[in-house]
Amino acid sequence: MATKQNIVNLAMSTTVHIIIIDVELEYTELGRQLGAEIIEISANSKNRINALNMVEDYGDENPIALKSEFLMSVFEQLLGTGNLGPQAKSMIDRCMENVYRDYLKDFSGDPPTLKEFYAELQRQDEDLARELALAIELFVNGSLDIFAHQTNVNLNNRIIIFDIFELGKHLK
């Protein structure tokens, strides 16, 4: 964990990007002094971050594999470690391929969101797909949907602080 002095030194003497996840509101004031983008993330915030955002240079070889692995880890958290079998992993990967197919052609337009992924799950014939859709529904259409929309905050600042103090334990 970097100390505040280390952060100041990095900010003043380098051009590296600094991303801070502020769990206890320890870095907000320092961030203001350094000109950081401070992004409050909570169920009550209007700020949104697309969990499926992908830019052209995302991943070295297979960006779909990276996003599939990410979603598999989300489902592991939702269903419990060890409860995501090979059929569910295949289903997630298939749906990820489908939702990114057009976007990956030229990276134009908006990237898919969890809402598109959810809709793709619902289009599948297997009962397992409906079970997976139900497991993630709270985070797509429910009260914890902050990662299911297009990003509406500035992520281009060199210093970004994600204030997650008010973020509930289910989203952390």
Protein backbone atom coordinates (compact mmCIF):
# COMPACT_ATOMS: atom_id res chain seq x y z
CA MET A 1 0.00 0.00 0.00
CA ALA A 2 1.40 3.34 -1.02
CA THR A 3 1.68 6.09 1.54
CA LYS A 4 0.29 9.54 0.81
CA GLN A 5 3.83 10.86 0.49
CA ASN A 6 4.64 8.19 -2.10
CA ILE A 7 1.56 9.20 -4.05
CA VAL A 8 2.56 12.87 -3.97
CA ASN A 9 6.08 11.97 -5.11
CA LEU A 10 4.74 9.90 -8.01
CA ALA A 11 2.28 12.61 -9.00
CA MET A 12 4.89 15.39 -8.94
CA SER A 13 7.91 13.62 -10.43
CA THR A 14 6.47 11.19 -12.99
CA THR A 15 3.77 10.94 -15.62
CA VAL A 16 2.50 7.53 -14.50
CA HIS A 17 -1.20 6.99 -14.10
CA ILE A 18 -2.32 6.65 -10.50
CA ILE A 19 -5.51 4.81 -9.61
CA ILE A 20 -6.61 4.69 -5.99
CA ILE A 21 -9.48 2.69 -4.55
CA ASP A 22 -10.46 4.74 -1.51
CA VAL A 23 -12.36 2.51 0.88
CA GLU A 24 -12.24 4.78 3.95
CA LEU A 25 -12.18 8.32 2.43
CA GLU A 26 -8.47 8.62 3.22
CA TYR A 27 -7.33 10.00 -0.13
CA THR A 28 -10.13 12.35 -1.22
CA GLU A 29 -8.57 15.58 0.07
CA LEU A 30 -5.12 14.65 -1.24
CA GLY A 31 -6.73 13.86 -4.59
CA ARG A 32 -8.38 17.28 -4.73
CA GLN A 33 -5.02 18.94 -4.08
CA LEU A 34 -3.39 16.91 -6.87
CA GLY A 35 -6.17 17.59 -9.38
CA ALA A 36 -7.40 14.01 -9.38
CA GLU A 37 -10.71 12.89 -10.80
CA ILE A 38 -12.64 11.72 -7.74
CA ILE A 39 -15.41 9.33 -8.64
CA GLU A 40 -17.94 8.35 -6.01
CA ILE A 41 -19.23 4.85 -6.62
CA SER A 42 -22.29 3.78 -4.67
CA ALA A 43 -25.82 2.54 -5.25
CA ASN A 44 -27.07 6.11 -4.66
CA SER A 45 -24.59 7.81 -6.99
CA LYS A 46 -25.43 8.85 -10.54
CA ASN A 47 -21.92 7.76 -11.58
CA ARG A 48 -21.76 4.64 -13.72
CA ILE A 49 -18.90 2.46 -14.88
CA ASN A 50 -19.41 -0.09 -17.64
CA ALA A 51 -17.97 -3.34 -16.31
CA LEU A 52 -17.71 -4.61 -19.90
CA ASN A 53 -15.96 -1.56 -21.33
CA MET A 54 -13.28 -2.51 -23.81
CA VAL A 55 -10.95 -0.34 -25.85
CA GLU A 56 -9.06 -1.33 -28.97
CA ASP A 57 -5.82 -2.29 -27.21
CA TYR A 58 -7.54 -4.25 -24.43
CA GLY A 59 -5.60 -7.46 -23.84
CA ASP A 60 -2.71 -8.67 -25.92
CA GLU A 61 -4.32 -11.44 -27.91
CA ASN A 62 -7.82 -12.42 -26.83
CA PRO A 63 -9.86 -9.66 -25.17
CA ILE A 64 -12.97 -11.87 -25.07
CA ALA A 65 -11.12 -14.40 -22.91
CA LEU A 66 -10.21 -11.66 -20.43
CA LYS A 67 -13.79 -10.40 -20.19
CA SER A 68 -15.12 -13.96 -19.95
CA GLU A 69 -12.73 -14.68 -17.09
CA PHE A 70 -13.83 -11.47 -15.39
CA LEU A 71 -17.50 -12.45 -15.62
CA MET A 72 -16.75 -15.98 -14.49
CA SER A 73 -15.16 -14.52 -11.35
CA VAL A 74 -18.27 -12.37 -10.80
CA PHE A 75 -20.49 -15.44 -11.07
CA GLU A 76 -18.16 -17.37 -8.73
CA GLN A 77 -18.75 -14.62 -6.16
CA LEU A 78 -22.50 -14.74 -6.71
CA LEU A 79 -22.89 -18.52 -6.71
CA GLY A 80 -20.11 -19.44 -4.32
CA THR A 81 -16.62 -20.68 -5.05
CA GLY A 82 -16.67 -24.00 -6.86
CA ASN A 83 -20.32 -23.70 -7.90
CA LEU A 84 -19.65 -22.49 -11.44
CA GLY A 85 -19.35 -25.65 -13.49
CA PRO A 86 -17.92 -26.13 -16.97
CA GLN A 87 -21.33 -25.79 -18.63
CA ALA A 88 -21.87 -22.39 -16.99
CA LYS A 89 -18.38 -21.25 -17.99
CA SER A 90 -19.05 -22.29 -21.56
CA MET A 91 -22.37 -20.45 -21.50
CA ILE A 92 -20.72 -17.26 -20.23
CA ASP A 93 -18.01 -17.48 -22.88
CA ARG A 94 -20.54 -18.11 -25.67
CA CYS A 95 -22.63 -15.13 -24.63
CA MET A 96 -19.56 -12.89 -24.34
CA GLU A 97 -18.56 -13.85 -27.91
CA ASN A 98 -22.05 -12.99 -29.10
CA VAL A 99 -22.34 -9.60 -27.39
CA TYR A 100 -18.89 -8.43 -28.54
CA ARG A 101 -19.06 -9.82 -32.10
CA ASP A 102 -20.08 -6.59 -33.84
CA TYR A 103 -18.22 -4.25 -31.51
CA LEU A 104 -14.87 -5.99 -32.03
CA LYS A 105 -15.04 -5.54 -35.80
CA ASP A 106 -13.97 -1.90 -35.57
CA PHE A 107 -14.51 -0.80 -31.94
CA SER A 108 -17.02 1.80 -33.09
CA GLY A 109 -20.08 2.78 -31.13
CA ASP A 110 -20.61 1.95 -27.49
CA PRO A 111 -19.18 -1.25 -26.03
CA PRO A 112 -21.66 -3.82 -24.74
CA THR A 113 -22.85 -3.59 -21.15
CA LEU A 114 -24.03 -6.15 -18.63
CA LYS A 115 -27.53 -5.40 -19.90
CA GLU A 116 -26.62 -6.80 -23.34
CA PHE A 117 -24.93 -9.77 -21.73
CA TYR A 118 -28.04 -10.41 -19.61
CA ALA A 119 -30.28 -10.19 -22.71
CA GLU A 120 -27.99 -12.63 -24.52
CA LEU A 121 -28.26 -15.09 -21.63
CA GLN A 122 -32.03 -14.86 -21.88
CA ARG A 123 -31.90 -15.65 -25.63
CA GLN A 124 -30.19 -18.99 -24.98
CA ASP A 125 -32.28 -22.16 -24.98
CA GLU A 126 -30.66 -23.88 -22.01
CA ASP A 127 -32.22 -23.65 -18.53
CA LEU A 128 -28.74 -22.94 -17.20
CA ALA A 129 -28.72 -19.62 -19.07
CA ARG A 130 -31.90 -18.52 -17.32
CA GLU A 131 -30.39 -19.52 -13.97
CA LEU A 132 -27.29 -17.44 -14.70
CA ALA A 133 -29.47 -14.51 -15.83
CA LEU A 134 -31.44 -14.69 -12.59
CA ALA A 135 -28.22 -14.77 -10.55
CA ILE A 136 -26.97 -11.54 -12.11
CA GLU A 137 -30.32 -9.75 -12.46
CA LEU A 138 -29.88 -7.68 -9.29
CA PHE A 139 -26.72 -6.18 -10.81
CA VAL A 140 -28.28 -5.58 -14.22
CA ASN A 141 -31.86 -4.45 -13.68
CA GLY A 142 -32.05 -4.25 -9.90
CA SER A 143 -30.98 -1.71 -7.33
CA LEU A 144 -27.27 -2.58 -7.68
CA ASP A 145 -27.00 -1.86 -11.41
CA ILE A 146 -24.22 0.78 -11.28
CA PHE A 147 -21.85 -1.37 -13.38
CA ALA A 148 -24.47 -2.27 -16.01
CA HIS A 149 -24.58 1.05 -17.90
CA GLN A 150 -22.28 2.95 -20.21
CA THR A 151 -19.53 4.79 -18.32
CA ASN A 152 -20.56 8.37 -17.62
CA VAL A 153 -17.49 9.60 -15.70
CA ASN A 154 -14.10 10.88 -16.82
CA LEU A 155 -11.56 8.07 -16.77
CA ASN A 156 -8.95 10.03 -18.72
CA ASN A 157 -7.40 11.92 -15.82
CA ARG A 158 -3.88 10.81 -14.90
CA ILE A 159 -4.94 10.48 -11.26
CA ILE A 160 -8.25 8.79 -10.50
CA ILE A 161 -9.66 8.06 -7.09
CA PHE A 162 -12.60 5.71 -6.81
CA ASP A 163 -14.42 6.64 -3.60
CA ILE A 164 -16.17 3.38 -2.65
CA PHE A 165 -16.88 4.31 0.98
CA GLU A 166 -20.65 4.14 0.43
CA LEU A 167 -20.51 1.09 -1.82
CA GLY A 168 -22.29 -1.84 -0.23
CA LYS A 169 -20.48 -5.08 0.51
CA HIS A 170 -22.21 -6.90 -2.37
CA LEU A 171 -20.69 -4.53 -4.92
CA LYS A 172 -17.25 -4.22 -3.34
